[in-house]
Amino acid sequence: MGPSEFKLNNPPEDLISAVKFGSKSNQYMAASSWDGTLRFYDVAANSMRQKFVQDAPILDCAFMNIVHVVSGGLDNQLRMYDVNTQAETLVGSHDDPIRCVEHAEYVNGILTGSWDKTVKLWDMREKRCVGCFEQNNGKVYSMSVIDEKIVVATSDRKVLIWDLRKTDSYIMKRESSLKYQTRCIRLFPNKEGYVMSSIEGRVAVEYLDHDPEVQRRKFAFKCHRNRDNNIEQIYPVNAVSFHNVYHTFATGGSDCIVNIWDGFNKKRLCQFHEYDTSISSLNFSADGSALAIGCSYLDQFTKTPDTVPNPAIYIRYPTDQETKQK
């Protein structure tokens, strides 16, 4: 492990559900966990600045701005935290757990996706729900937003594409091109398509434009697999994160591996070393200079190993060689 990567002090004590950098920063980062904590880190100083504790596991978090972080989890509640004053505000709730939380910069609001089959848009100043997107009977498993565009991956292997300004109906609804349950979906930084991953060691690169010329560019590929005594082990691909500058993306799997891909030229750019346990969350900073890697055991083995590795967060400063299209 060279100077380009280090382990954060004071990591969560249970499964890390999300690691997220501040919107314009590679210095501040938040992490949510099944231990009920939301942690706020100063990455440059390698120190945990704040820790907020809930009674229930937190499934996702997001920065509203550099001093306000929001979270959602198994208690169905959306909460906002002020990292300066340590104030905590209950903003609102869903009927079932909140699985996804994203900052919708376009309207300066927060989007929450829930197992109650809805996505809600929240006005954080007034602390009220200002829009509800019905997800056509699918629980929200993953969600991504850039500007006015939202993509939502649901439990029934559907993908719904929405315009933030229009809550009454989706722009497009698609069947997932992957046969198995969706783990993660992320919009391209240019909003022309999305990348999604599944529990069955596969990733799909999809385009939104219906033009047959454009659709010919879509593809799916196998990854996060290995052969052991001639038996192929297939692992879930839990996390995807885009490099906003180079438009390449990282994937993290239950094989303890992080790969960087060039989706436009259909090739892998690099593979990092093997980590102690499954990669549960990934997030590039806005400028792509840093990658946060959340590692935690995801109960994926039929028999629990004798020693379960402790959760850990690594911060890596990838080189252009690792992240830039060749």
Protein backbone atom coordinates (compact mmCIF):
# COMPACT_ATOMS: atom_id res chain seq x y z
CA MET A 1 0.00 0.00 0.00
CA GLY A 2 1.86 3.09 -1.23
CA PRO A 3 1.43 6.71 -0.21
CA SER A 4 -1.34 6.92 -2.81
CA GLU A 5 -3.66 5.06 -0.43
CA PHE A 6 -4.38 5.09 3.30
CA LYS A 7 -6.88 3.77 5.81
CA LEU A 8 -9.20 6.23 7.57
CA ASN A 9 -9.14 6.31 11.35
CA ASN A 10 -12.36 5.60 13.31
CA PRO A 11 -14.27 3.63 10.67
CA PRO A 12 -17.84 2.42 11.32
CA GLU A 13 -18.18 -0.76 13.40
CA ASP A 14 -20.66 -2.56 11.16
CA LEU A 15 -21.43 -2.78 7.45
CA ILE A 16 -20.59 0.47 5.63
CA SER A 17 -23.67 1.37 3.58
CA ALA A 18 -22.27 4.49 1.90
CA VAL A 19 -19.16 6.63 1.56
CA LYS A 20 -19.69 10.07 0.00
CA PHE A 21 -17.43 13.04 -0.61
CA GLY A 22 -18.69 16.60 -0.22
CA SER A 23 -20.03 18.01 -3.48
CA LYS A 24 -17.05 20.18 -4.36
CA SER A 25 -14.43 18.72 -2.10
CA ASN A 26 -11.99 15.87 -1.76
CA GLN A 27 -11.29 16.90 1.84
CA TYR A 28 -14.61 16.13 3.54
CA MET A 29 -16.37 12.80 3.46
CA ALA A 30 -19.36 11.19 5.16
CA ALA A 31 -20.00 7.51 5.85
CA SER A 32 -23.19 5.78 6.93
CA SER A 33 -23.41 2.35 8.51
CA TRP A 34 -25.56 -0.44 9.88
CA ASP A 35 -24.08 0.46 13.29
CA GLY A 36 -26.54 3.42 13.24
CA THR A 37 -23.83 6.05 12.82
CA LEU A 38 -23.29 8.85 10.37
CA ARG A 39 -19.62 9.87 10.49
CA PHE A 40 -18.10 13.03 9.10
CA TYR A 41 -14.39 12.94 8.23
CA ASP A 42 -11.69 15.43 7.42
CA VAL A 43 -9.85 13.18 4.97
CA ALA A 44 -6.78 15.42 4.62
CA ALA A 45 -6.23 15.30 8.39
CA ASN A 46 -7.33 11.63 8.60
CA SER A 47 -9.69 12.45 11.44
CA MET A 48 -13.33 11.86 12.26
CA ARG A 49 -14.77 15.28 13.07
CA GLN A 50 -18.33 14.30 14.04
CA LYS A 51 -20.37 11.21 14.76
CA PHE A 52 -24.18 11.16 14.90
CA VAL A 53 -25.87 8.05 16.30
CA GLN A 54 -29.32 6.64 15.49
CA ASP A 55 -31.18 3.64 16.91
CA ALA A 56 -31.53 1.98 13.51
CA PRO A 57 -29.12 1.14 10.66
CA ILE A 58 -28.47 3.99 8.21
CA LEU A 59 -28.65 2.84 4.58
CA ASP A 60 -27.44 5.95 2.75
CA CYS A 61 -26.23 9.52 3.19
CA ALA A 62 -25.51 12.61 1.09
CA PHE A 63 -24.05 16.09 1.45
CA MET A 64 -26.57 18.90 1.13
CA ASN A 65 -23.68 21.39 1.29
CA ILE A 66 -20.33 21.38 2.99
CA VAL A 67 -21.78 21.67 6.54
CA HIS A 68 -25.08 19.79 6.17
CA VAL A 69 -25.28 16.03 5.68
CA VAL A 70 -28.50 14.02 5.34
CA SER A 71 -29.27 10.36 5.99
CA GLY A 72 -32.01 7.77 5.56
CA GLY A 73 -32.35 4.27 6.93
CA LEU A 74 -34.35 1.46 8.45
CA ASP A 75 -36.35 3.79 10.72
CA ASN A 76 -37.96 5.33 7.54
CA GLN A 77 -36.76 8.82 8.57
CA LEU A 78 -34.90 11.50 6.61
CA ARG A 79 -32.57 13.42 8.91
CA MET A 80 -30.31 16.42 8.43
CA TYR A 81 -27.17 17.08 10.49
CA ASP A 82 -25.20 20.27 10.91
CA VAL A 83 -21.56 19.28 11.35
CA ASN A 84 -20.64 22.65 12.87
CA THR A 85 -23.34 22.97 15.52
CA GLN A 86 -24.08 19.21 15.85
CA ALA A 87 -27.77 20.04 15.45
CA GLU A 88 -29.92 17.21 14.13
CA THR A 89 -33.24 17.80 12.34
CA LEU A 90 -35.96 15.32 11.45
CA VAL A 91 -37.09 16.37 7.97
CA GLY A 92 -39.74 13.78 7.10
CA SER A 93 -40.40 10.11 6.49
CA HIS A 94 -41.45 7.31 4.16
CA ASP A 95 -43.80 4.41 4.94
CA ASP A 96 -40.89 1.93 4.69
CA PRO A 97 -37.10 2.15 5.02
CA ILE A 98 -35.21 4.75 2.97
CA ARG A 99 -32.65 2.95 0.81
CA CYS A 100 -31.20 5.87 -1.22
CA VAL A 101 -30.43 9.52 -0.50
CA GLU A 102 -29.12 11.94 -3.15
CA HIS A 103 -28.57 15.67 -3.35
CA ALA A 104 -30.54 17.16 -6.29
CA GLU A 105 -28.32 20.17 -6.92
CA TYR A 106 -30.55 21.32 -9.81
CA VAL A 107 -33.34 22.27 -7.40
CA ASN A 108 -31.19 22.39 -4.25
CA GLY A 109 -33.30 19.64 -2.71
CA ILE A 110 -32.84 16.10 -1.44
CA LEU A 111 -34.19 12.96 -3.14
CA THR A 112 -35.00 9.86 -1.10
CA GLY A 113 -35.78 6.45 -2.59
CA SER A 114 -37.61 3.94 -0.44
CA TRP A 115 -38.78 0.36 -0.20
CA ASP A 116 -42.28 1.91 -0.04
CA LYS A 117 -41.95 2.12 -3.88
CA THR A 118 -41.67 5.91 -4.07
CA VAL A 119 -38.99 8.55 -4.57
CA LYS A 120 -39.64 11.81 -2.72
CA LEU A 121 -38.21 15.26 -3.34
CA TRP A 122 -37.67 17.39 -0.23
CA ASP A 123 -37.38 21.14 0.18
CA MET A 124 -34.80 21.30 2.95
CA ARG A 125 -35.44 24.92 3.89
CA GLU A 126 -39.14 24.31 4.51
CA LYS A 127 -38.51 20.71 5.58
CA ARG A 128 -41.36 19.30 3.54
CA CYS A 129 -41.94 16.89 0.68
CA VAL A 130 -42.55 18.81 -2.56
CA GLY A 131 -42.84 15.90 -5.00
CA CYS A 132 -43.51 12.17 -5.03
CA PHE A 133 -42.50 9.85 -7.88
CA GLU A 134 -44.41 6.53 -7.83
CA GLN A 135 -41.99 3.78 -8.92
CA ASN A 136 -44.52 1.54 -10.65
CA ASN A 137 -44.68 -1.03 -7.90
CA GLY A 138 -40.94 -1.58 -7.45
CA LYS A 139 -38.98 -1.04 -4.25
CA VAL A 140 -36.15 1.43 -4.82
CA TYR A 141 -32.80 -0.42 -4.72
CA SER A 142 -30.53 2.21 -6.26
CA MET A 143 -30.82 5.73 -7.65
CA SER A 144 -28.73 8.37 -9.37
CA VAL A 145 -29.40 12.03 -10.17
CA ILE A 146 -27.58 14.58 -12.34
CA ASP A 147 -29.19 17.97 -13.04
CA GLU A 148 -32.85 17.32 -13.96
CA LYS A 149 -32.39 13.61 -14.71
CA ILE A 150 -33.07 10.76 -12.27
CA VAL A 151 -32.59 7.02 -12.89
CA VAL A 152 -34.13 4.56 -10.46
CA ALA A 153 -33.44 0.82 -10.32
CA THR A 154 -36.17 -1.19 -8.64
CA SER A 155 -36.70 -4.60 -7.06
CA ASP A 156 -38.58 -5.95 -10.08
CA ARG A 157 -35.52 -5.41 -12.35
CA LYS A 158 -36.98 -2.26 -13.87
CA VAL A 159 -35.22 1.02 -14.57
CA LEU A 160 -37.30 4.21 -14.51
CA ILE A 161 -36.01 7.48 -15.94
CA TRP A 162 -37.56 10.67 -14.59
CA ASP A 163 -37.37 14.41 -15.08
CA LEU A 164 -37.10 16.11 -11.71
CA ARG A 165 -39.54 18.82 -12.80
CA LYS A 166 -42.28 16.35 -13.71
CA THR A 167 -43.50 14.08 -10.93
CA ASP A 168 -46.68 12.81 -12.59
CA SER A 169 -45.05 10.33 -15.01
CA TYR A 170 -41.66 8.91 -15.91
CA ILE A 171 -39.94 9.68 -19.22
CA MET A 172 -39.00 6.07 -19.83
CA LYS A 173 -39.33 2.65 -18.25
CA ARG A 174 -37.01 -0.20 -19.12
CA GLU A 175 -36.42 -3.80 -18.23
CA SER A 176 -32.94 -4.34 -16.80
CA SER A 177 -30.66 -6.01 -19.35
CA LEU A 178 -29.17 -8.01 -16.46
CA LYS A 179 -31.02 -11.19 -15.49
CA TYR A 180 -30.44 -10.86 -11.75
CA GLN A 181 -31.14 -8.38 -8.97
CA THR A 182 -29.73 -4.87 -9.44
CA ARG A 183 -27.16 -3.70 -6.90
CA CYS A 184 -26.20 -0.25 -8.18
CA ILE A 185 -27.09 2.24 -10.93
CA ARG A 186 -25.20 5.43 -11.87
CA LEU A 187 -25.84 8.01 -14.59
CA PHE A 188 -23.02 8.89 -17.00
CA PRO A 189 -21.69 12.36 -16.08
CA ASN A 190 -23.01 13.57 -19.50
CA LYS A 191 -26.47 12.07 -18.70
CA GLU A 192 -26.58 10.13 -22.02
CA GLY A 193 -26.91 6.78 -20.31
CA TYR A 194 -26.21 4.78 -17.18
CA VAL A 195 -24.16 1.92 -15.82
CA MET A 196 -25.79 -0.72 -13.66
CA SER A 197 -24.45 -3.73 -11.79
CA SER A 198 -26.03 -6.94 -10.52
CA ILE A 199 -25.52 -9.62 -7.87
CA GLU A 200 -24.31 -11.98 -10.61
CA GLY A 201 -20.89 -10.50 -11.49
CA ARG A 202 -22.12 -8.40 -14.39
CA VAL A 203 -22.26 -4.76 -15.42
CA ALA A 204 -24.38 -3.18 -18.19
CA VAL A 205 -23.64 0.06 -20.04
CA GLU A 206 -26.90 1.49 -21.41
CA TYR A 207 -27.84 4.53 -23.50
CA LEU A 208 -31.06 6.55 -23.17
CA ASP A 209 -31.44 7.69 -26.81
CA HIS A 210 -33.77 5.30 -28.72
CA ASP A 211 -31.92 5.90 -32.02
CA PRO A 212 -30.82 2.42 -33.29
CA GLU A 213 -27.32 3.84 -34.00
CA VAL A 214 -26.97 4.83 -30.34
CA GLN A 215 -28.54 1.60 -29.04
CA ARG A 216 -25.91 -0.40 -30.92
CA ARG A 217 -23.32 0.98 -28.49
CA LYS A 218 -24.87 -0.64 -25.43
CA PHE A 219 -23.22 -3.72 -23.95
CA ALA A 220 -22.89 -5.82 -20.82
CA PHE A 221 -19.86 -7.64 -19.49
CA LYS A 222 -18.87 -10.17 -16.85
CA CYS A 223 -16.58 -9.04 -14.03
CA HIS A 224 -15.73 -9.70 -10.38
CA ARG A 225 -15.40 -13.43 -10.97
CA ASN A 226 -12.58 -15.87 -10.44
CA ARG A 227 -11.76 -19.51 -11.06
CA ASP A 228 -10.93 -21.81 -8.19
CA ASN A 229 -10.15 -25.47 -8.97
CA ASN A 230 -12.00 -25.07 -12.26
CA ILE A 231 -15.11 -23.78 -10.52
CA GLU A 232 -16.11 -20.24 -11.40
CA GLN A 233 -16.89 -18.10 -8.36
CA ILE A 234 -19.31 -15.28 -9.21
CA TYR A 235 -19.58 -12.26 -6.92
CA PRO A 236 -22.08 -9.40 -6.57
CA VAL A 237 -20.94 -6.04 -7.98
CA ASN A 238 -22.04 -3.82 -5.09
CA ALA A 239 -20.76 -0.40 -6.06
CA VAL A 240 -20.22 1.81 -9.11
CA SER A 241 -18.79 5.33 -9.18
CA PHE A 242 -17.93 7.60 -12.13
CA HIS A 243 -14.85 9.75 -12.55
CA ASN A 244 -16.55 13.06 -13.45
CA VAL A 245 -13.61 14.36 -15.47
CA TYR A 246 -12.56 11.31 -17.52
CA HIS A 247 -15.98 9.59 -17.58
CA THR A 248 -14.40 6.26 -16.68
CA PHE A 249 -15.90 4.32 -13.76
CA ALA A 250 -14.93 2.15 -10.82
CA THR A 251 -16.71 -1.02 -9.73
CA GLY A 252 -16.36 -2.78 -6.38
CA GLY A 253 -17.39 -6.36 -5.70
CA SER A 254 -17.75 -9.02 -3.03
CA ASP A 255 -14.52 -10.49 -4.45
CA CYS A 256 -12.72 -7.72 -2.49
CA ILE A 257 -11.58 -6.10 -5.75
CA VAL A 258 -11.90 -2.61 -7.25
CA ASN A 259 -11.65 -2.28 -11.05
CA ILE A 260 -11.53 0.86 -13.20
CA TRP A 261 -13.23 0.64 -16.61
CA ASP A 262 -13.33 2.64 -19.81
CA GLY A 263 -16.94 2.04 -20.86
CA PHE A 264 -16.59 3.84 -24.20
CA ASN A 265 -13.71 1.67 -25.41
CA LYS A 266 -14.95 -1.44 -23.60
CA LYS A 267 -11.83 -2.18 -21.62
CA ARG A 268 -10.49 -2.43 -18.11
CA LEU A 269 -7.93 0.23 -17.27
CA CYS A 270 -6.66 -1.25 -14.02
CA GLN A 271 -7.34 -3.43 -11.01
CA PHE A 272 -6.30 -2.42 -7.50
CA HIS A 273 -4.88 -4.88 -4.96
CA GLU A 274 -7.25 -7.23 -3.13
CA TYR A 275 -8.86 -5.68 -0.03
CA ASP A 276 -9.58 -7.45 3.29
CA THR A 277 -13.26 -7.99 2.53
CA SER A 278 -16.13 -7.08 0.17
CA ILE A 279 -16.31 -3.62 -1.36
CA SER A 280 -19.68 -2.29 -0.14
CA SER A 281 -19.45 1.32 -1.37
CA LEU A 282 -17.33 3.51 -3.66
CA ASN A 283 -17.26 7.23 -4.35
CA PHE A 284 -14.99 9.41 -6.47
CA SER A 285 -14.59 12.99 -5.31
CA ALA A 286 -16.09 15.57 -7.72
CA ASP A 287 -12.75 16.26 -9.39
CA GLY A 288 -11.80 12.57 -9.52
CA SER A 289 -8.63 13.13 -7.49
CA ALA A 290 -9.70 10.83 -4.64
CA LEU A 291 -11.63 7.56 -4.40
CA ALA A 292 -13.26 6.47 -1.14
CA ILE A 293 -13.51 2.68 -0.78
CA GLY A 294 -15.82 1.23 1.87
CA CYS A 295 -14.97 -2.37 2.77
CA SER A 296 -17.25 -4.51 4.89
CA TYR A 297 -18.27 -8.14 5.11
CA LEU A 298 -21.72 -8.53 3.53
CA ASP A 299 -22.78 -11.93 4.92
CA GLN A 300 -22.28 -13.38 1.46
CA PHE A 301 -20.89 -16.75 2.52
CA THR A 302 -23.26 -19.56 3.45
CA LYS A 303 -21.05 -20.20 6.46
CA THR A 304 -19.79 -17.18 8.40
CA PRO A 305 -15.96 -17.22 8.44
CA ASP A 306 -14.26 -17.75 11.82
CA THR A 307 -12.91 -14.23 11.75
CA VAL A 308 -14.92 -11.53 10.04
CA PRO A 309 -12.68 -8.63 8.96
CA ASN A 310 -13.43 -5.27 10.56
CA PRO A 311 -15.06 -2.64 8.34
CA ALA A 312 -12.55 -0.20 6.84
CA ILE A 313 -12.54 2.89 4.64
CA TYR A 314 -9.59 3.44 2.32
CA ILE A 315 -8.86 6.71 0.57
CA ARG A 316 -6.96 6.28 -2.68
CA TYR A 317 -5.49 9.01 -4.85
CA PRO A 318 -5.54 7.30 -8.24
CA THR A 319 -3.11 8.26 -11.00
CA ASP A 320 -4.16 9.37 -14.49
CA GLN A 321 -2.77 6.08 -15.74
CA GLU A 322 -5.36 4.26 -13.61
CA THR A 323 -8.36 6.45 -14.47
CA LYS A 324 -7.84 8.12 -17.87
CA GLN A 325 -8.97 6.67 -21.19
CA LYS A 326 -5.96 5.34 -23.09
